Amino acid sequence: MAANIDYMMEMVKDYLSGKTPRYIFELDFQTEILARYKKMVREHREFAELFYDLLSEGGVDLGDGLSDAEFKRLIRRQYNKVKSIADGGFC
């Protein structure tokens, strides 16, 4: 992968591992995806679109109203989908 994609994947991984609390993750994720998305597209368009669809729109954006445990399960499920597709030769 490339620097911006790697950065965003690592950010999600840090949240899932407990290194980053939810409120920091949600704020930082929104800031970073806005700042890095165009660069991610230049690095790998299909992966960037998949990441955005699954982890931004289908993950972080759906977090309102979820408990911390439910939110973490959602993000983990979406992260694993992205990883599975990437590991399957998508990238």
PDB file of N, CA and C in Angstrom:
ATOM      1  N   MET A   1       0.837  -1.182   0.000  1.00  0.00           N
ATOM      2  CA  MET A   1       0.000   0.000   0.000  1.00  0.00           C
ATOM      3  C   MET A   1       0.880   1.242   0.000  1.00  0.00           C
ATOM      4  N   ALA A   2       0.257   2.371   0.237  1.00  0.00           N
ATOM      5  CA  ALA A   2       1.001   3.623   0.186  1.00  0.00           C
ATOM      6  C   ALA A   2       0.830   4.390   1.494  1.00  0.00           C
ATOM      7  N   ALA A   3       1.572   5.464   1.630  1.00  0.00           N
ATOM      8  CA  ALA A   3       1.686   6.178   2.910  1.00  0.00           C
ATOM      9  C   ALA A   3       0.351   6.612   3.509  1.00  0.00           C
ATOM     10  N   ASN A   4      -0.521   7.205   2.738  1.00  0.00           N
ATOM     11  CA  ASN A   4      -1.786   7.707   3.282  1.00  0.00           C
ATOM     12  C   ASN A   4      -2.751   6.575   3.610  1.00  0.00           C
ATOM     13  N   ILE A   5      -2.794   5.577   2.771  1.00  0.00           N
ATOM     14  CA  ILE A   5      -3.620   4.396   3.056  1.00  0.00           C
ATOM     15  C   ILE A   5      -3.089   3.693   4.297  1.00  0.00           C
ATOM     16  N   ASP A   6      -1.792   3.515   4.355  1.00  0.00           N
ATOM     17  CA  ASP A   6      -1.179   2.875   5.530  1.00  0.00           C
ATOM     18  C   ASP A   6      -1.488   3.650   6.800  1.00  0.00           C
ATOM     19  N   TYR A   7      -1.398   4.970   6.723  1.00  0.00           N
ATOM     20  CA  TYR A   7      -1.667   5.808   7.887  1.00  0.00           C
ATOM     21  C   TYR A   7      -3.097   5.592   8.394  1.00  0.00           C
ATOM     22  N   MET A   8      -4.054   5.605   7.482  1.00  0.00           N
ATOM     23  CA  MET A   8      -5.453   5.447   7.881  1.00  0.00           C
ATOM     24  C   MET A   8      -5.723   4.043   8.428  1.00  0.00           C
ATOM     25  N   MET A   9      -5.126   3.044   7.818  1.00  0.00           N
ATOM     26  CA  MET A   9      -5.299   1.676   8.329  1.00  0.00           C
ATOM     27  C   MET A   9      -4.698   1.560   9.725  1.00  0.00           C
ATOM     28  N   GLU A  10      -3.564   2.170   9.944  1.00  0.00           N
ATOM     29  CA  GLU A  10      -2.910   2.136  11.258  1.00  0.00           C
ATOM     30  C   GLU A  10      -3.740   2.889  12.298  1.00  0.00           C
ATOM     31  N   MET A  11      -4.364   3.977  11.887  1.00  0.00           N
ATOM     32  CA  MET A  11      -5.223   4.721  12.804  1.00  0.00           C
ATOM     33  C   MET A  11      -6.370   3.838  13.303  1.00  0.00           C
ATOM     34  N   VAL A  12      -6.985   3.112  12.391  1.00  0.00           N
ATOM     35  CA  VAL A  12      -8.081   2.215  12.772  1.00  0.00           C
ATOM     36  C   VAL A  12      -7.544   1.097  13.663  1.00  0.00           C
ATOM     37  N   LYS A  13      -6.424   0.537  13.293  1.00  0.00           N
ATOM     38  CA  LYS A  13      -5.813  -0.535  14.083  1.00  0.00           C
ATOM     39  C   LYS A  13      -5.496  -0.065  15.502  1.00  0.00           C
ATOM     40  N   ASP A  14      -4.989   1.139  15.652  1.00  0.00           N
ATOM     41  CA  ASP A  14      -4.688   1.694  16.976  1.00  0.00           C
ATOM     42  C   ASP A  14      -5.948   1.824  17.818  1.00  0.00           C
ATOM     43  N   TYR A  15      -7.046   2.245  17.203  1.00  0.00           N
ATOM     44  CA  TYR A  15      -8.305   2.322  17.936  1.00  0.00           C
ATOM     45  C   TYR A  15      -8.753   0.930  18.381  1.00  0.00           C
ATOM     46  N   LEU A  16      -8.718  -0.012  17.458  1.00  0.00           N
ATOM     47  CA  LEU A  16      -9.186  -1.363  17.777  1.00  0.00           C
ATOM     48  C   LEU A  16      -8.334  -2.047  18.844  1.00  0.00           C
ATOM     49  N   SER A  17      -7.056  -1.695  18.907  1.00  0.00           N
ATOM     50  CA  SER A  17      -6.167  -2.300  19.896  1.00  0.00           C
ATOM     51  C   SER A  17      -6.263  -1.614  21.262  1.00  0.00           C
ATOM     52  N   GLY A  18      -7.013  -0.518  21.326  1.00  0.00           N
ATOM     53  CA  GLY A  18      -7.173   0.186  22.590  1.00  0.00           C
ATOM     54  C   GLY A  18      -6.175   1.310  22.812  1.00  0.00           C
ATOM     55  N   LYS A  19      -5.316   1.566  21.856  1.00  0.00           N
ATOM     56  CA  LYS A  19      -4.320   2.634  22.003  1.00  0.00           C
ATOM     57  C   LYS A  19      -4.948   4.025  21.915  1.00  0.00           C
ATOM     58  N   THR A  20      -6.072   4.120  21.237  1.00  0.00           N
ATOM     59  CA  THR A  20      -6.742   5.401  21.039  1.00  0.00           C
ATOM     60  C   THR A  20      -8.176   5.295  21.547  1.00  0.00           C
ATOM     61  N   PRO A  21      -8.610   6.219  22.406  1.00  0.00           N
ATOM     62  CA  PRO A  21     -10.002   6.185  22.860  1.00  0.00           C
ATOM     63  C   PRO A  21     -10.966   6.579  21.744  1.00  0.00           C
ATOM     64  N   ARG A  22     -12.208   6.166  21.880  1.00  0.00           N
ATOM     65  CA  ARG A  22     -13.207   6.383  20.839  1.00  0.00           C
ATOM     66  C   ARG A  22     -13.337   7.854  20.452  1.00  0.00           C
ATOM     67  N   TYR A  23     -13.470   8.743  21.419  1.00  0.00           N
ATOM     68  CA  TYR A  23     -13.727  10.143  21.083  1.00  0.00           C
ATOM     69  C   TYR A  23     -12.564  10.752  20.287  1.00  0.00           C
ATOM     70  N   ILE A  24     -11.350  10.375  20.599  1.00  0.00           N
ATOM     71  CA  ILE A  24     -10.188  10.844  19.838  1.00  0.00           C
ATOM     72  C   ILE A  24     -10.206  10.223  18.446  1.00  0.00           C
ATOM     73  N   PHE A  25     -10.482   8.931  18.368  1.00  0.00           N
ATOM     74  CA  PHE A  25     -10.535   8.244  17.080  1.00  0.00           C
ATOM     75  C   PHE A  25     -11.568   8.886  16.160  1.00  0.00           C
ATOM     76  N   GLU A  26     -12.771   9.108  16.675  1.00  0.00           N
ATOM     77  CA  GLU A  26     -13.819   9.680  15.824  1.00  0.00           C
ATOM     78  C   GLU A  26     -13.428  11.063  15.292  1.00  0.00           C
ATOM     79  N   LEU A  27     -12.890  11.899  16.147  1.00  0.00           N
ATOM     80  CA  LEU A  27     -12.479  13.242  15.714  1.00  0.00           C
ATOM     81  C   LEU A  27     -11.315  13.178  14.727  1.00  0.00           C
ATOM     82  N   ASP A  28     -10.302  12.409  15.081  1.00  0.00           N
ATOM     83  CA  ASP A  28      -9.128  12.308  14.211  1.00  0.00           C
ATOM     84  C   ASP A  28      -9.466  11.643  12.881  1.00  0.00           C
ATOM     85  N   PHE A  29     -10.304  10.617  12.921  1.00  0.00           N
ATOM     86  CA  PHE A  29     -10.664   9.908  11.687  1.00  0.00           C
ATOM     87  C   PHE A  29     -11.301  10.882  10.701  1.00  0.00           C
ATOM     88  N   GLN A  30     -12.278  11.653  11.167  1.00  0.00           N
ATOM     89  CA  GLN A  30     -12.964  12.589  10.270  1.00  0.00           C
ATOM     90  C   GLN A  30     -11.993  13.616   9.692  1.00  0.00           C
ATOM     91  N   THR A  31     -11.118  14.146  10.529  1.00  0.00           N
ATOM     92  CA  THR A  31     -10.132  15.124  10.072  1.00  0.00           C
ATOM     93  C   THR A  31      -9.181  14.517   9.051  1.00  0.00           C
ATOM     94  N   GLU A  32      -8.663  13.351   9.361  1.00  0.00           N
ATOM     95  CA  GLU A  32      -7.662  12.722   8.495  1.00  0.00           C
ATOM     96  C   GLU A  32      -8.249  12.216   7.183  1.00  0.00           C
ATOM     97  N   ILE A  33      -9.453  11.661   7.201  1.00  0.00           N
ATOM     98  CA  ILE A  33     -10.028  11.169   5.944  1.00  0.00           C
ATOM     99  C   ILE A  33     -10.282  12.345   4.998  1.00  0.00           C
ATOM    100  N   LEU A  34     -10.707  13.481   5.543  1.00  0.00           N
ATOM    101  CA  LEU A  34     -10.899  14.669   4.698  1.00  0.00           C
ATOM    102  C   LEU A  34      -9.576  15.158   4.120  1.00  0.00           C
ATOM    103  N   ALA A  35      -8.535  15.128   4.923  1.00  0.00           N
ATOM    104  CA  ALA A  35      -7.228  15.617   4.485  1.00  0.00           C
ATOM    105  C   ALA A  35      -6.519  14.651   3.544  1.00  0.00           C
ATOM    106  N   ARG A  36      -6.760  13.361   3.690  1.00  0.00           N
ATOM    107  CA  ARG A  36      -5.969  12.362   2.970  1.00  0.00           C
ATOM    108  C   ARG A  36      -6.692  11.643   1.834  1.00  0.00           C
ATOM    109  N   TYR A  37      -8.002  11.779   1.735  1.00  0.00           N
ATOM    110  CA  TYR A  37      -8.736  10.957   0.771  1.00  0.00           C
ATOM    111  C   TYR A  37      -8.244  11.136  -0.672  1.00  0.00           C
ATOM    112  N   LYS A  38      -8.053  12.355  -1.118  1.00  0.00           N
ATOM    113  CA  LYS A  38      -7.588  12.570  -2.499  1.00  0.00           C
ATOM    114  C   LYS A  38      -6.219  11.932  -2.724  1.00  0.00           C
ATOM    115  N   LYS A  39      -5.359  11.996  -1.727  1.00  0.00           N
ATOM    116  CA  LYS A  39      -4.046  11.354  -1.826  1.00  0.00           C
ATOM    117  C   LYS A  39      -4.191   9.840  -1.845  1.00  0.00           C
ATOM    118  N   MET A  40      -5.123   9.315  -1.049  1.00  0.00           N
ATOM    119  CA  MET A  40      -5.373   7.876  -1.047  1.00  0.00           C
ATOM    120  C   MET A  40      -5.847   7.412  -2.424  1.00  0.00           C
ATOM    121  N   VAL A  41      -6.703   8.217  -3.049  1.00  0.00           N
ATOM    122  CA  VAL A  41      -7.204   7.880  -4.388  1.00  0.00           C
ATOM    123  C   VAL A  41      -6.051   7.825  -5.380  1.00  0.00           C
ATOM    124  N   ARG A  42      -5.119   8.756  -5.276  1.00  0.00           N
ATOM    125  CA  ARG A  42      -3.956   8.736  -6.182  1.00  0.00           C
ATOM    126  C   ARG A  42      -3.081   7.508  -5.929  1.00  0.00           C
ATOM    127  N   GLU A  43      -3.023   7.063  -4.681  1.00  0.00           N
ATOM    128  CA  GLU A  43      -2.223   5.879  -4.348  1.00  0.00           C
ATOM    129  C   GLU A  43      -2.874   4.599  -4.870  1.00  0.00           C
ATOM    130  N   HIS A  44      -4.179   4.484  -4.668  1.00  0.00           N
ATOM    131  CA  HIS A  44      -4.906   3.291  -5.132  1.00  0.00           C
ATOM    132  C   HIS A  44      -6.401   3.579  -5.065  1.00  0.00           C
ATOM    133  N   ARG A  45      -6.969   3.966  -6.195  1.00  0.00           N
ATOM    134  CA  ARG A  45      -8.361   4.414  -6.246  1.00  0.00           C
ATOM    135  C   ARG A  45      -9.341   3.398  -5.670  1.00  0.00           C
ATOM    136  N   GLU A  46      -9.271   2.159  -6.089  1.00  0.00           N
ATOM    137  CA  GLU A  46     -10.244   1.160  -5.652  1.00  0.00           C
ATOM    138  C   GLU A  46     -10.168   0.920  -4.147  1.00  0.00           C
ATOM    139  N   PHE A  47      -8.946   0.862  -3.618  1.00  0.00           N
ATOM    140  CA  PHE A  47      -8.795   0.643  -2.188  1.00  0.00           C
ATOM    141  C   PHE A  47      -9.320   1.853  -1.417  1.00  0.00           C
ATOM    142  N   ALA A  48      -9.005   3.064  -1.875  1.00  0.00           N
ATOM    143  CA  ALA A  48      -9.471   4.273  -1.207  1.00  0.00           C
ATOM    144  C   ALA A  48     -10.994   4.320  -1.168  1.00  0.00           C
ATOM    145  N   GLU A  49     -11.624   3.974  -2.279  1.00  0.00           N
ATOM    146  CA  GLU A  49     -13.086   3.975  -2.332  1.00  0.00           C
ATOM    147  C   GLU A  49     -13.668   2.922  -1.403  1.00  0.00           C
ATOM    148  N   LEU A  50     -13.062   1.746  -1.380  1.00  0.00           N
ATOM    149  CA  LEU A  50     -13.505   0.675  -0.483  1.00  0.00           C
ATOM    150  C   LEU A  50     -13.361   1.109   0.971  1.00  0.00           C
ATOM    151  N   PHE A  51     -12.218   1.663   1.313  1.00  0.00           N
ATOM    152  CA  PHE A  51     -11.957   2.140   2.674  1.00  0.00           C
ATOM    153  C   PHE A  51     -13.003   3.174   3.069  1.00  0.00           C
ATOM    154  N   TYR A  52     -13.239   4.133   2.201  1.00  0.00           N
ATOM    155  CA  TYR A  52     -14.204   5.195   2.497  1.00  0.00           C
ATOM    156  C   TYR A  52     -15.612   4.620   2.671  1.00  0.00           C
ATOM    157  N   ASP A  53     -16.013   3.758   1.750  1.00  0.00           N
ATOM    158  CA  ASP A  53     -17.355   3.174   1.818  1.00  0.00           C
ATOM    159  C   ASP A  53     -17.555   2.359   3.095  1.00  0.00           C
ATOM    160  N   LEU A  54     -16.594   1.510   3.420  1.00  0.00           N
ATOM    161  CA  LEU A  54     -16.764   0.600   4.560  1.00  0.00           C
ATOM    162  C   LEU A  54     -16.449   1.246   5.900  1.00  0.00           C
ATOM    163  N   LEU A  55     -15.359   1.991   5.983  1.00  0.00           N
ATOM    164  CA  LEU A  55     -14.940   2.493   7.290  1.00  0.00           C
ATOM    165  C   LEU A  55     -15.436   3.904   7.609  1.00  0.00           C
ATOM    166  N   SER A  56     -15.674   4.717   6.603  1.00  0.00           N
ATOM    167  CA  SER A  56     -16.191   6.048   6.876  1.00  0.00           C
ATOM    168  C   SER A  56     -17.718   6.019   6.845  1.00  0.00           C
ATOM    169  N   GLU A  57     -18.288   5.783   5.674  1.00  0.00           N
ATOM    170  CA  GLU A  57     -19.747   5.788   5.549  1.00  0.00           C
ATOM    171  C   GLU A  57     -20.405   4.619   6.276  1.00  0.00           C
ATOM    172  N   GLY A  58     -19.806   3.442   6.194  1.00  0.00           N
ATOM    173  CA  GLY A  58     -20.396   2.249   6.806  1.00  0.00           C
ATOM    174  C   GLY A  58     -19.870   1.945   8.188  1.00  0.00           C
ATOM    175  N   GLY A  59     -19.083   2.858   8.736  1.00  0.00           N
ATOM    176  CA  GLY A  59     -18.485   2.630  10.047  1.00  0.00           C
ATOM    177  C   GLY A  59     -18.619   3.850  10.934  1.00  0.00           C
ATOM    178  N   VAL A  60     -17.651   4.741  10.868  1.00  0.00           N
ATOM    179  CA  VAL A  60     -17.598   5.903  11.763  1.00  0.00           C
ATOM    180  C   VAL A  60     -18.861   6.758  11.650  1.00  0.00           C
ATOM    181  N   ASP A  61     -19.357   6.968  10.440  1.00  0.00           N
ATOM    182  CA  ASP A  61     -20.546   7.801  10.262  1.00  0.00           C
ATOM    183  C   ASP A  61     -21.794   7.209  10.916  1.00  0.00           C
ATOM    184  N   LEU A  62     -21.795   5.912  11.182  1.00  0.00           N
ATOM    185  CA  LEU A  62     -22.950   5.249  11.788  1.00  0.00           C
ATOM    186  C   LEU A  62     -22.836   5.135  13.304  1.00  0.00           C
ATOM    187  N   GLY A  63     -21.804   5.735  13.877  1.00  0.00           N
ATOM    188  CA  GLY A  63     -21.508   5.562  15.295  1.00  0.00           C
ATOM    189  C   GLY A  63     -22.446   6.241  16.265  1.00  0.00           C
ATOM    190  N   ASP A  64     -23.137   7.290  15.830  1.00  0.00           N
ATOM    191  CA  ASP A  64     -24.057   7.981  16.741  1.00  0.00           C
ATOM    192  C   ASP A  64     -25.114   7.007  17.244  1.00  0.00           C
ATOM    193  N   GLY A  65     -25.301   7.006  18.541  1.00  0.00           N
ATOM    194  CA  GLY A  65     -26.321   6.144  19.126  1.00  0.00           C
ATOM    195  C   GLY A  65     -25.829   4.758  19.496  1.00  0.00           C
ATOM    196  N   LEU A  66     -24.603   4.411  19.100  1.00  0.00           N
ATOM    197  CA  LEU A  66     -24.050   3.105  19.451  1.00  0.00           C
ATOM    198  C   LEU A  66     -23.254   3.223  20.742  1.00  0.00           C
ATOM    199  N   SER A  67     -23.321   2.178  21.551  1.00  0.00           N
ATOM    200  CA  SER A  67     -22.464   2.131  22.729  1.00  0.00           C
ATOM    201  C   SER A  67     -21.017   1.990  22.268  1.00  0.00           C
ATOM    202  N   ASP A  68     -20.081   2.192  23.170  1.00  0.00           N
ATOM    203  CA  ASP A  68     -18.668   2.036  22.826  1.00  0.00           C
ATOM    204  C   ASP A  68     -18.382   0.628  22.316  1.00  0.00           C
ATOM    205  N   ALA A  69     -18.970  -0.372  22.969  1.00  0.00           N
ATOM    206  CA  ALA A  69     -18.746  -1.765  22.559  1.00  0.00           C
ATOM    207  C   ALA A  69     -19.346  -2.034  21.180  1.00  0.00           C
ATOM    208  N   GLU A  70     -20.547  -1.539  20.926  1.00  0.00           N
ATOM    209  CA  GLU A  70     -21.185  -1.726  19.617  1.00  0.00           C
ATOM    210  C   GLU A  70     -20.389  -1.023  18.524  1.00  0.00           C
ATOM    211  N   PHE A  71     -19.927   0.186  18.814  1.00  0.00           N
ATOM    212  CA  PHE A  71     -19.139   0.946  17.843  1.00  0.00           C
ATOM    213  C   PHE A  71     -17.850   0.207  17.514  1.00  0.00           C
ATOM    214  N   LYS A  72     -17.168  -0.294  18.529  1.00  0.00           N
ATOM    215  CA  LYS A  72     -15.915  -1.015  18.290  1.00  0.00           C
ATOM    216  C   LYS A  72     -16.161  -2.279  17.463  1.00  0.00           C
ATOM    217  N   ARG A  73     -17.249  -2.992  17.754  1.00  0.00           N
ATOM    218  CA  ARG A  73     -17.586  -4.190  16.953  1.00  0.00           C
ATOM    219  C   ARG A  73     -17.834  -3.817  15.498  1.00  0.00           C
ATOM    220  N   LEU A  74     -18.561  -2.723  15.274  1.00  0.00           N
ATOM    221  CA  LEU A  74     -18.833  -2.260  13.910  1.00  0.00           C
ATOM    222  C   LEU A  74     -17.540  -1.921  13.192  1.00  0.00           C
ATOM    223  N   ILE A  75     -16.678  -1.149  13.823  1.00  0.00           N
ATOM    224  CA  ILE A  75     -15.419  -0.750  13.188  1.00  0.00           C
ATOM    225  C   ILE A  75     -14.544  -1.975  12.934  1.00  0.00           C
ATOM    226  N   ARG A  76     -14.493  -2.897  13.879  1.00  0.00           N
ATOM    227  CA  ARG A  76     -13.704  -4.124  13.697  1.00  0.00           C
ATOM    228  C   ARG A  76     -14.221  -4.932  12.509  1.00  0.00           C
ATOM    229  N   ARG A  77     -15.551  -5.071  12.407  1.00  0.00           N
ATOM    230  CA  ARG A  77     -16.150  -5.820  11.295  1.00  0.00           C
ATOM    231  C   ARG A  77     -15.809  -5.156   9.961  1.00  0.00           C
ATOM    232  N   GLN A  78     -15.934  -3.837   9.884  1.00  0.00           N
ATOM    233  CA  GLN A  78     -15.649  -3.127   8.648  1.00  0.00           C
ATOM    234  C   GLN A  78     -14.160  -3.175   8.308  1.00  0.00           C
ATOM    235  N   TYR A  79     -13.321  -3.024   9.313  1.00  0.00           N
ATOM    236  CA  TYR A  79     -11.866  -3.106   9.121  1.00  0.00           C
ATOM    237  C   TYR A  79     -11.486  -4.492   8.589  1.00  0.00           C
ATOM    238  N   ASN A  80     -12.067  -5.519   9.182  1.00  0.00           N
ATOM    239  CA  ASN A  80     -11.768  -6.880   8.734  1.00  0.00           C
ATOM    240  C   ASN A  80     -12.231  -7.123   7.299  1.00  0.00           C
ATOM    241  N   LYS A  81     -13.348  -6.518   6.902  1.00  0.00           N
ATOM    242  CA  LYS A  81     -13.802  -6.628   5.507  1.00  0.00           C
ATOM    243  C   LYS A  81     -12.789  -5.993   4.558  1.00  0.00           C
ATOM    244  N   VAL A  82     -12.315  -4.803   4.921  1.00  0.00           N
ATOM    245  CA  VAL A  82     -11.317  -4.122   4.098  1.00  0.00           C
ATOM    246  C   VAL A  82     -10.049  -4.979   4.002  1.00  0.00           C
ATOM    247  N   LYS A  83      -9.570  -5.471   5.128  1.00  0.00           N
ATOM    248  CA  LYS A  83      -8.363  -6.307   5.154  1.00  0.00           C
ATOM    249  C   LYS A  83      -8.552  -7.576   4.329  1.00  0.00           C
ATOM    250  N   SER A  84      -9.705  -8.201   4.458  1.00  0.00           N
ATOM    251  CA  SER A  84      -9.984  -9.433   3.730  1.00  0.00           C
ATOM    252  C   SER A  84      -9.945  -9.213   2.214  1.00  0.00           C
ATOM    253  N   ILE A  85     -10.549  -8.146   1.770  1.00  0.00           N
ATOM    254  CA  ILE A  85     -10.545  -7.846   0.339  1.00  0.00           C
ATOM    255  C   ILE A  85      -9.125  -7.534  -0.120  1.00  0.00           C
ATOM    256  N   ALA A  86      -8.395  -6.741   0.660  1.00  0.00           N
ATOM    257  CA  ALA A  86      -7.010  -6.412   0.313  1.00  0.00           C
ATOM    258  C   ALA A  86      -6.126  -7.653   0.303  1.00  0.00           C
ATOM    259  N   ASP A  87      -6.286  -8.498   1.313  1.00  0.00           N
ATOM    260  CA  ASP A  87      -5.482  -9.715   1.406  1.00  0.00           C
ATOM    261  C   ASP A  87      -5.811 -10.700   0.284  1.00  0.00           C
ATOM    262  N   GLY A  88      -7.008 -10.585  -0.264  1.00  0.00           N
ATOM    263  CA  GLY A  88      -7.426 -11.459  -1.341  1.00  0.00           C
ATOM    264  C   GLY A  88      -6.891 -11.035  -2.700  1.00  0.00           C
ATOM    265  N   GLY A  89      -6.029 -10.037  -2.728  1.00  0.00           N
ATOM    266  CA  GLY A  89      -5.420  -9.633  -3.988  1.00  0.00           C
ATOM    267  C   GLY A  89      -6.057  -8.415  -4.592  1.00  0.00           C
ATOM    268  N   PHE A  90      -6.896  -7.735  -3.847  1.00  0.00           N
ATOM    269  CA  PHE A  90      -7.528  -6.521  -4.347  1.00  0.00           C
ATOM    270  C   PHE A  90      -6.504  -5.470  -4.709  1.00  0.00           C
ATOM    271  N   CYS A  91      -5.495  -5.321  -3.835  1.00  0.00           N
ATOM    272  CA  CYS A  91      -4.472  -4.280  -4.067  1.00  0.00           C
ATOM    273  C   CYS A  91      -3.274  -4.864  -4.783  1.00  0.00           C
TER     274      CYS A  91
END
